[in-house]
Protein backbone atom coordinates (compact mmCIF):
# COMPACT_ATOMS: atom_id res chain seq x y z
CA MET A 1 0.78 -13.52 -15.51
CA SER A 2 -2.65 -13.38 -16.12
CA PRO A 3 -4.39 -11.49 -19.32
CA THR A 4 -7.55 -10.92 -17.69
CA SER A 5 -8.67 -8.96 -14.90
CA THR A 6 -10.19 -10.22 -11.65
CA HIS A 7 -13.96 -9.94 -12.65
CA ARG A 8 -15.90 -12.69 -14.04
CA PRO A 9 -15.97 -12.71 -17.67
CA GLY A 10 -19.00 -11.07 -19.19
CA ARG A 11 -19.95 -9.07 -16.42
CA THR A 12 -19.67 -5.26 -16.78
CA VAL A 13 -19.16 -3.92 -13.07
CA ALA A 14 -17.59 -0.53 -11.60
CA GLY A 15 -17.02 -1.84 -8.33
CA PRO A 16 -18.45 -1.74 -4.68
CA LEU A 17 -17.65 1.89 -4.57
CA ASP A 18 -19.55 2.79 -8.17
CA GLY A 19 -21.13 6.09 -7.63
CA VAL A 20 -18.96 7.66 -5.02
CA ARG A 21 -16.90 10.78 -6.24
CA VAL A 22 -13.66 11.51 -5.01
CA VAL A 23 -11.46 14.83 -5.55
CA GLU A 24 -7.80 13.86 -5.01
CA LEU A 25 -5.48 17.07 -5.06
CA ALA A 26 -2.18 15.58 -6.66
CA GLY A 27 0.66 14.99 -4.44
CA ILE A 28 2.82 12.19 -4.59
CA GLY A 29 3.60 8.71 -2.34
CA PRO A 30 0.54 7.69 -0.07
CA GLY A 31 -2.13 10.17 -1.27
CA PRO A 32 -2.16 8.75 -4.92
CA PHE A 33 -2.03 5.05 -3.74
CA ALA A 34 -4.92 5.69 -1.23
CA ALA A 35 -7.12 7.38 -4.14
CA MET A 36 -6.11 4.24 -6.66
CA LEU A 37 -7.50 2.16 -4.06
CA LEU A 38 -10.87 4.03 -4.20
CA ALA A 39 -10.51 4.14 -7.94
CA ASP A 40 -9.81 0.08 -8.36
CA LEU A 41 -12.98 -0.38 -6.47
CA GLY A 42 -15.21 1.48 -8.50
CA ALA A 43 -15.11 5.00 -7.12
CA ASP A 44 -15.20 8.52 -9.78
CA VAL A 45 -11.85 9.63 -9.08
CA VAL A 46 -11.13 13.09 -10.61
CA ARG A 47 -7.35 14.01 -9.68
CA VAL A 48 -6.63 17.94 -9.98
CA ASP A 49 -3.04 18.25 -11.04
CA ARG A 50 -0.94 21.26 -11.07
CA PRO A 51 0.25 22.90 -14.19
CA GLY A 52 3.79 21.91 -15.28
CA ARG A 53 5.51 18.44 -14.45
CA ALA A 54 4.68 16.25 -11.59
CA ALA A 55 6.81 16.55 -8.84
CA LEU A 56 9.07 13.37 -9.15
CA GLY A 57 9.00 13.56 -12.80
CA GLY A 58 8.63 10.38 -15.05
CA ASP A 59 5.91 9.55 -17.45
CA PRO A 60 2.54 10.03 -16.17
CA ALA A 61 1.23 7.31 -18.61
CA ARG A 62 3.04 4.96 -16.84
CA ASP A 63 2.40 5.92 -13.16
CA LEU A 64 0.20 3.28 -11.97
CA THR A 65 -1.07 4.87 -9.10
CA ASN A 66 -2.88 7.10 -11.05
CA ARG A 67 -5.04 4.40 -12.68
CA ASN A 68 -8.77 4.34 -13.03
CA LYS A 69 -8.73 7.84 -12.62
CA ARG A 70 -9.58 11.09 -14.46
CA SER A 71 -7.63 14.14 -14.47
CA VAL A 72 -8.22 17.91 -14.37
CA VAL A 73 -5.71 20.75 -14.31
CA VAL A 74 -6.26 23.69 -12.33
CA ASP A 75 -3.97 26.30 -11.26
CA LEU A 76 -4.58 26.99 -7.16
CA LYS A 77 -2.62 29.91 -7.13
CA THR A 78 -5.03 31.93 -9.64
CA SER A 79 -8.01 34.06 -8.34
CA GLU A 80 -10.31 31.20 -9.60
CA GLY A 81 -8.54 28.06 -9.08
CA PRO A 82 -9.76 27.55 -5.40
CA ALA A 83 -13.07 27.94 -6.23
CA THR A 84 -13.21 25.57 -8.88
CA VAL A 85 -11.92 22.97 -6.62
CA ARG A 86 -14.16 24.27 -4.06
CA ALA A 87 -17.00 23.64 -6.80
CA LEU A 88 -15.82 20.12 -7.40
CA ALA A 89 -15.81 19.44 -3.79
CA ALA A 90 -19.42 20.60 -3.40
CA ARG A 91 -20.25 17.72 -5.91
CA ALA A 92 -18.25 14.89 -4.17
CA ASP A 93 -18.45 12.39 -1.23
CA VAL A 94 -14.88 12.49 -0.71
CA LEU A 95 -11.82 15.01 -0.94
CA LEU A 96 -8.09 13.63 -0.33
CA GLU A 97 -4.90 16.37 0.11
CA GLY A 98 -1.71 15.64 0.98
CA TYR A 99 -0.31 19.13 1.72
CA ARG A 100 2.01 20.08 4.87
CA PRO A 101 -0.54 21.14 7.50
CA GLY A 102 -2.00 24.82 6.71
CA VAL A 103 -1.38 24.73 3.05
CA ALA A 104 -4.71 23.81 1.89
CA GLU A 105 -6.29 26.54 4.23
CA ARG A 106 -4.04 28.80 2.83
CA LEU A 107 -4.96 28.06 -0.76
CA GLY A 108 -8.38 28.40 0.31
CA VAL A 109 -9.55 24.52 -0.19
CA GLY A 110 -9.08 23.36 3.60
CA PRO A 111 -11.78 21.83 5.11
CA GLU A 112 -13.88 24.71 6.28
CA ASP A 113 -13.79 26.08 2.83
CA CYS A 114 -14.85 23.03 0.94
CA MET A 115 -17.32 21.94 3.47
CA ALA A 116 -19.12 25.10 3.64
CA ALA A 117 -20.77 24.10 0.48
CA ASN A 118 -21.03 20.19 1.33
CA SER A 119 -21.99 19.42 4.89
CA ALA A 120 -21.53 15.54 4.06
CA LEU A 121 -18.16 15.92 2.27
CA VAL A 122 -15.42 13.73 3.82
CA TYR A 123 -12.15 15.41 4.14
CA GLY A 124 -9.09 12.93 4.22
CA ARG A 125 -5.52 14.40 4.81
CA MET A 126 -2.95 12.58 4.19
CA THR A 127 0.50 13.40 6.05
CA GLY A 128 3.64 11.97 7.50
CA TRP A 129 3.55 13.54 10.80
CA GLY A 130 -0.12 14.34 11.23
CA GLN A 131 -2.17 17.69 11.38
CA ASP A 132 -0.37 18.96 14.62
CA GLY A 133 2.57 17.87 17.21
CA PRO A 134 6.09 19.39 16.85
CA LEU A 135 6.98 17.76 13.48
CA ALA A 136 3.74 18.47 12.14
CA PRO A 137 4.90 21.53 10.09
CA LEU A 138 8.18 19.85 8.94
CA ALA A 139 9.14 18.03 5.66
CA GLY A 140 9.70 14.08 5.41
CA HIS A 141 9.42 10.70 3.84
CA ASP A 142 8.92 7.46 4.34
CA ILE A 143 12.09 6.15 6.04
CA GLY A 144 11.85 8.73 8.51
CA TYR A 145 8.56 8.45 9.68
CA ILE A 146 9.35 4.43 9.91
CA ALA A 147 12.24 5.40 12.21
CA THR A 148 10.18 7.68 14.33
CA ALA A 149 7.40 5.49 14.99
CA GLY A 150 9.82 2.29 15.88
CA ALA A 151 9.08 -0.09 13.22
CA LEU A 152 12.40 0.54 11.19
CA SER A 153 14.36 -0.37 14.48
CA MET A 154 12.86 -3.97 13.99
CA ILE A 155 13.84 -5.20 10.40
CA GLY A 156 17.25 -6.13 9.84
CA THR A 157 19.93 -8.57 11.25
CA SER A 158 21.22 -8.59 14.79
CA GLY A 159 24.26 -6.41 14.95
CA GLY A 160 23.58 -4.83 11.47
CA PRO A 161 21.68 -1.49 10.06
CA PRO A 162 17.95 -1.30 10.23
CA VAL A 163 16.59 -2.14 6.42
CA PHE A 164 14.23 -0.16 4.93
CA PRO A 165 11.60 -2.04 3.13
CA ALA A 166 11.28 0.46 0.00
CA ASN A 167 8.15 2.40 0.77
CA LEU A 168 5.81 -0.16 1.38
CA LEU A 169 5.79 0.04 5.43
CA GLY A 170 5.38 3.83 5.83
CA ASP A 171 3.77 5.49 2.69
CA TYR A 172 1.47 2.70 1.88
CA ALA A 173 1.05 0.35 4.68
CA GLY A 174 0.85 3.06 7.63
CA GLY A 175 -0.30 5.56 5.11
CA SER A 176 -2.65 4.68 2.00
CA LEU A 177 -4.34 2.09 3.82
CA TYR A 178 -5.08 3.62 6.85
CA LEU A 179 -6.58 6.78 5.00
CA THR A 180 -8.28 4.92 2.91
CA THR A 181 -9.80 2.93 5.78
CA GLY A 182 -10.70 6.20 7.30
CA VAL A 183 -12.35 7.81 4.80
CA LEU A 184 -14.58 4.81 3.95
CA ALA A 185 -15.77 4.47 7.81
CA ALA A 186 -16.48 8.32 7.87
CA LEU A 187 -18.41 7.81 4.41
CA LEU A 188 -20.58 5.23 6.17
CA THR A 189 -21.16 7.73 9.10
CA ALA A 190 -21.73 10.66 6.58
CA ARG A 191 -24.11 8.47 4.73
CA THR A 192 -26.13 7.67 7.68
CA THR A 193 -25.98 11.20 9.17
CA GLY A 194 -25.69 13.67 6.63
CA GLU A 195 -22.21 14.95 8.43
CA GLY A 196 -18.90 14.71 7.31
CA GLN A 197 -15.78 14.94 8.80
CA VAL A 198 -12.24 15.46 8.68
CA VAL A 199 -10.09 12.34 8.88
CA ASP A 200 -6.85 12.83 9.77
CA ALA A 201 -4.18 9.81 8.62
CA ALA A 202 -0.46 10.59 9.62
CA ILE A 203 1.78 7.72 8.42
CA VAL A 204 3.46 7.83 11.94
CA ASP A 205 0.14 6.92 13.32
CA GLY A 206 -0.88 4.24 11.25
CA THR A 207 2.94 2.71 11.19
CA ALA A 208 2.85 2.65 14.76
CA HIS A 209 -0.36 0.96 14.88
CA LEU A 210 0.83 -1.72 12.69
CA THR A 211 3.45 -2.78 15.48
CA SER A 212 0.08 -3.60 17.89
CA LEU A 213 0.90 -7.01 18.26
CA PHE A 214 4.81 -6.49 19.23
CA TRP A 215 3.58 -3.86 22.08
CA GLY A 216 1.34 -6.79 23.53
CA MET A 217 4.45 -9.39 23.37
CA LEU A 218 6.74 -6.78 25.03
CA ALA A 219 4.28 -6.41 27.85
CA GLU A 220 4.29 -10.00 28.37
CA GLY A 221 8.05 -10.82 27.68
CA THR A 222 8.21 -12.96 24.37
CA TRP A 223 9.44 -9.85 22.36
CA ARG A 224 12.90 -8.47 22.91
CA ASP A 225 13.18 -4.77 21.92
CA ALA A 226 16.35 -5.71 19.70
CA ARG A 227 16.20 -6.58 16.11
CA GLY A 228 17.12 -10.20 14.95
CA ARG A 229 16.46 -11.63 18.13
CA ASN A 230 12.81 -12.69 17.99
CA LEU A 231 10.77 -15.25 16.15
CA LEU A 232 9.38 -13.04 13.64
CA ASP A 233 12.16 -10.82 12.60
CA GLY A 234 14.79 -13.09 11.38
CA GLY A 235 16.22 -14.31 14.45
CA CYS A 236 14.61 -17.44 14.65
CA PRO A 237 16.20 -20.02 12.28
CA TYR A 238 13.22 -21.57 11.03
CA TYR A 239 11.75 -18.16 10.29
CA ALA A 240 14.17 -16.73 7.88
CA VAL A 241 15.84 -16.52 4.64
CA TYR A 242 18.53 -18.90 3.42
CA GLY A 243 20.95 -18.57 0.29
CA THR A 244 21.25 -20.85 -2.02
CA SER A 245 24.11 -22.57 -4.49
CA ASP A 246 23.40 -20.20 -7.30
CA GLY A 247 22.90 -16.97 -5.41
CA GLY A 248 18.89 -17.41 -4.93
CA TRP A 249 17.26 -17.40 -1.64
CA MET A 250 14.70 -19.44 -0.02
CA ALA A 251 12.25 -18.09 2.60
CA VAL A 252 11.51 -20.52 5.39
CA GLY A 253 8.47 -20.06 7.54
CA ALA A 254 8.16 -23.38 9.50
CA LEU A 255 6.79 -22.21 12.69
CA GLU A 256 4.65 -24.56 13.86
CA PRO A 257 6.02 -27.76 15.04
CA ARG A 258 4.11 -29.98 12.10
CA PHE A 259 5.24 -27.81 9.54
CA TYR A 260 8.79 -27.72 11.09
CA THR A 261 9.19 -31.50 10.80
CA VAL A 262 8.26 -31.34 6.91
CA PHE A 263 10.56 -28.60 6.67
CA VAL A 264 13.65 -30.42 8.13
CA THR A 265 12.64 -33.99 6.82
CA LEU A 266 12.73 -32.19 3.30
CA LEU A 267 16.26 -30.39 4.14
CA GLY A 268 17.30 -33.95 4.29
CA LEU A 269 17.81 -33.99 8.07
CA ASP A 270 16.63 -35.75 11.24
CA ALA A 271 14.10 -33.42 13.52
CA ASP A 272 14.98 -36.08 16.85
CA GLU A 273 18.87 -35.36 16.07
CA LEU A 274 18.71 -31.50 16.00
CA PRO A 275 19.06 -29.27 18.93
CA ASP A 276 15.77 -28.40 20.58
CA ARG A 277 14.12 -25.57 18.39
CA ALA A 278 12.64 -24.32 21.36
CA ASP A 279 15.39 -22.94 23.15
CA PRO A 280 16.64 -19.65 21.67
CA ARG A 281 20.33 -20.62 22.77
CA ASN A 282 20.37 -23.57 20.05
CA TRP A 283 19.14 -21.14 17.28
CA PRO A 284 22.82 -20.22 16.36
CA ALA A 285 23.36 -23.82 15.81
CA LEU A 286 20.51 -24.48 14.09
CA ARG A 287 20.61 -21.58 11.73
CA SER A 288 24.31 -22.83 10.55
CA THR A 289 23.00 -26.28 9.73
CA PHE A 290 20.02 -24.93 7.52
CA THR A 291 22.48 -22.48 5.96
CA ALA A 292 24.90 -24.96 5.07
CA ARG A 293 22.30 -27.23 3.76
CA PHE A 294 20.35 -24.62 1.61
CA LYS A 295 24.31 -23.96 0.12
CA THR A 296 24.38 -27.43 -1.25
CA ALA A 297 21.61 -26.84 -4.03
CA THR A 298 20.09 -24.12 -6.25
CA ARG A 299 16.88 -22.26 -5.80
CA ALA A 300 15.38 -24.26 -8.37
CA ARG A 301 16.24 -27.37 -6.71
CA TRP A 302 14.85 -26.33 -3.52
CA THR A 303 11.83 -24.79 -5.17
CA ALA A 304 10.95 -28.41 -6.55
CA VAL A 305 11.72 -30.12 -3.12
CA PHE A 306 9.29 -28.07 -1.18
CA GLU A 307 6.52 -26.85 -3.64
CA GLY A 308 3.50 -28.86 -3.03
CA THR A 309 4.26 -29.41 0.68
CA ASP A 310 3.16 -27.98 4.35
CA ALA A 311 6.91 -26.90 4.95
CA CYS A 312 6.19 -23.36 4.77
CA VAL A 313 9.13 -22.82 2.30
CA ALA A 314 8.99 -20.36 -0.97
CA PRO A 315 11.61 -19.07 -3.36
CA VAL A 316 12.20 -15.19 -2.97
CA LEU A 317 11.01 -14.07 -6.26
CA THR A 318 11.71 -10.78 -7.93
CA LEU A 319 8.70 -8.52 -9.29
CA THR A 320 8.97 -9.89 -12.79
CA GLU A 321 9.37 -13.54 -11.90
CA ALA A 322 6.06 -13.01 -9.45
CA ALA A 323 3.87 -11.84 -12.42
CA ASP A 324 4.82 -15.31 -14.04
CA HIS A 325 4.18 -17.74 -10.74
CA LYS A 326 1.66 -20.32 -11.49
CA HIS A 327 -0.60 -19.56 -8.54
CA LEU A 328 -0.72 -15.67 -8.70
CA THR A 329 -1.11 -16.46 -12.61
CA ALA A 330 -4.19 -18.95 -11.52
CA ARG A 331 -5.56 -16.29 -9.45
CA GLY A 332 -4.96 -13.38 -11.79
CA THR A 333 -3.06 -11.46 -9.24
CA TYR A 334 -0.98 -9.66 -11.58
CA THR A 335 -2.77 -9.07 -15.46
CA GLU A 336 -1.72 -7.02 -18.33
CA ALA A 337 -4.24 -3.69 -18.87
CA HIS A 338 -3.68 -1.06 -21.52
CA GLY A 339 -0.14 -2.61 -22.39
CA VAL A 340 1.32 -2.77 -18.78
CA THR A 341 1.80 -5.62 -16.55
CA GLN A 342 0.40 -4.76 -13.14
CA PRO A 343 -1.32 -6.02 -9.76
CA ALA A 344 -4.83 -6.72 -10.22
CA PRO A 345 -7.22 -4.87 -7.93
CA ALA A 346 -7.53 -6.27 -4.36
CA PRO A 347 -9.37 -7.36 -2.53
CA ARG A 348 -11.79 -9.53 -4.15
CA PHE A 349 -15.68 -9.01 -4.32
CA SER A 350 -17.88 -11.98 -5.26
CA GLY A 351 -21.02 -9.55 -6.77
CA THR A 352 -19.16 -5.96 -7.19
CA PRO A 353 -15.45 -7.08 -7.98
CA GLY A 354 -12.93 -4.00 -8.85
CA THR A 355 -12.04 -3.44 -12.53
CA LEU A 356 -9.08 -1.57 -14.66
CA ARG A 357 -11.54 0.66 -16.51
CA ARG A 358 -8.81 3.18 -17.46
CA PRO A 359 -5.02 3.67 -17.78
CA PRO A 360 -2.91 6.03 -15.85
CA ALA A 361 -4.63 9.54 -16.31
CA VAL A 362 -2.40 11.89 -17.94
CA PRO A 363 -2.76 15.59 -16.42
CA GLY A 364 -5.63 17.32 -18.07
CA ALA A 365 -6.78 14.54 -20.54
CA HIS A 366 -10.32 14.35 -18.88
CA THR A 367 -11.30 18.55 -18.34
CA PHE A 368 -14.51 18.58 -20.67
CA ASP A 369 -15.73 15.04 -19.52
CA VAL A 370 -15.32 16.41 -15.82
CA ALA A 371 -17.06 19.48 -16.30
CA ARG A 372 -19.97 17.74 -18.34
CA ASP A 373 -20.11 14.86 -15.70
CA TRP A 374 -19.77 16.61 -12.61
CA ASP A 375 -21.50 20.02 -13.85
CA VAL A 376 -18.62 22.42 -13.16
CA PRO A 377 -18.38 24.66 -15.89
CA ASP A 378 -15.49 26.52 -14.31
CA LEU A 379 -13.04 23.85 -15.41
CA LEU A 380 -13.55 25.09 -18.93
CA LYS A 381 -12.10 28.80 -18.48
CA GLY A 382 -9.04 28.91 -20.59
CA HIS A 383 -9.55 25.55 -22.34
CA ARG A 384 -10.40 25.77 -26.04
């Protein structure tokens, strides 16, 4: 783990989005993460929290998806609450919300209301099912979205159940990253034309989009629409995970022939004596051979064997182990900020790198500062 941030020492920078103002209507999952990405890159993100406890509970001071943000508390169910949010939107470049379709409109903070006073506003909407379609009004979570989009069916062993990758694939990859890409693209257009627009980011859309490569492979007949039978889904024995003698795991990605030769040689085998790897009928035999070989030593031993080579083999690390890996430490991939170990901002910029400027925003902690900086005195109503 690196004790420093990813920017060069001595440079005081906010990031490439310095000067961009973002209003985030508090929610859970992909919306907060998308807002964190913008905040990490220097945007002034004001999170509009609701009165009371957060939906999922927990200590807000430890919620890293709220780092680099400022927080105000607004009750949208009061007569003055929506007007306060609209006043913030009038001074913002981007607004993000993750309500079910129609909820923002009923609260008086939908696109039409917010863009009436700010025609250049980019209004980002984050949902699982999208703003329209038969499932749009229904509740859901990551696991259901990636199941419906077809991605969950691809993950897991042949004959075994699908394995869900926490909420990384749907919420964050198919959701947050697409919402962020969308609002930044729309912001470029708004800066050029003076006209904002609504960005409808649906997790099912983004997750489906992530599978583009495999739809092409299906069309050419090089991908089977069945879990654990293909080159990149664990079906291939030289792109798979193997257990070690001490219960650890090693990840093998020796796809190219030259890397495969290095892999089997370091594994203590002769490539010329092994079955032809190009024939899937030989894959079970190769998997059995590799499995037996990896079981003869510990993870640490195999790590030492493969480290520093082009075998494309790596130990499967836990989160805490990853933070101490020498490569990630050298790059500052993980850092310690505000007393918490956490991933540093990504990606990296040569001139305006992202920074960790603020700890996670505690609800309402920045009301006076935001009221002053954004010139929204209505935020102070009810505050002493």
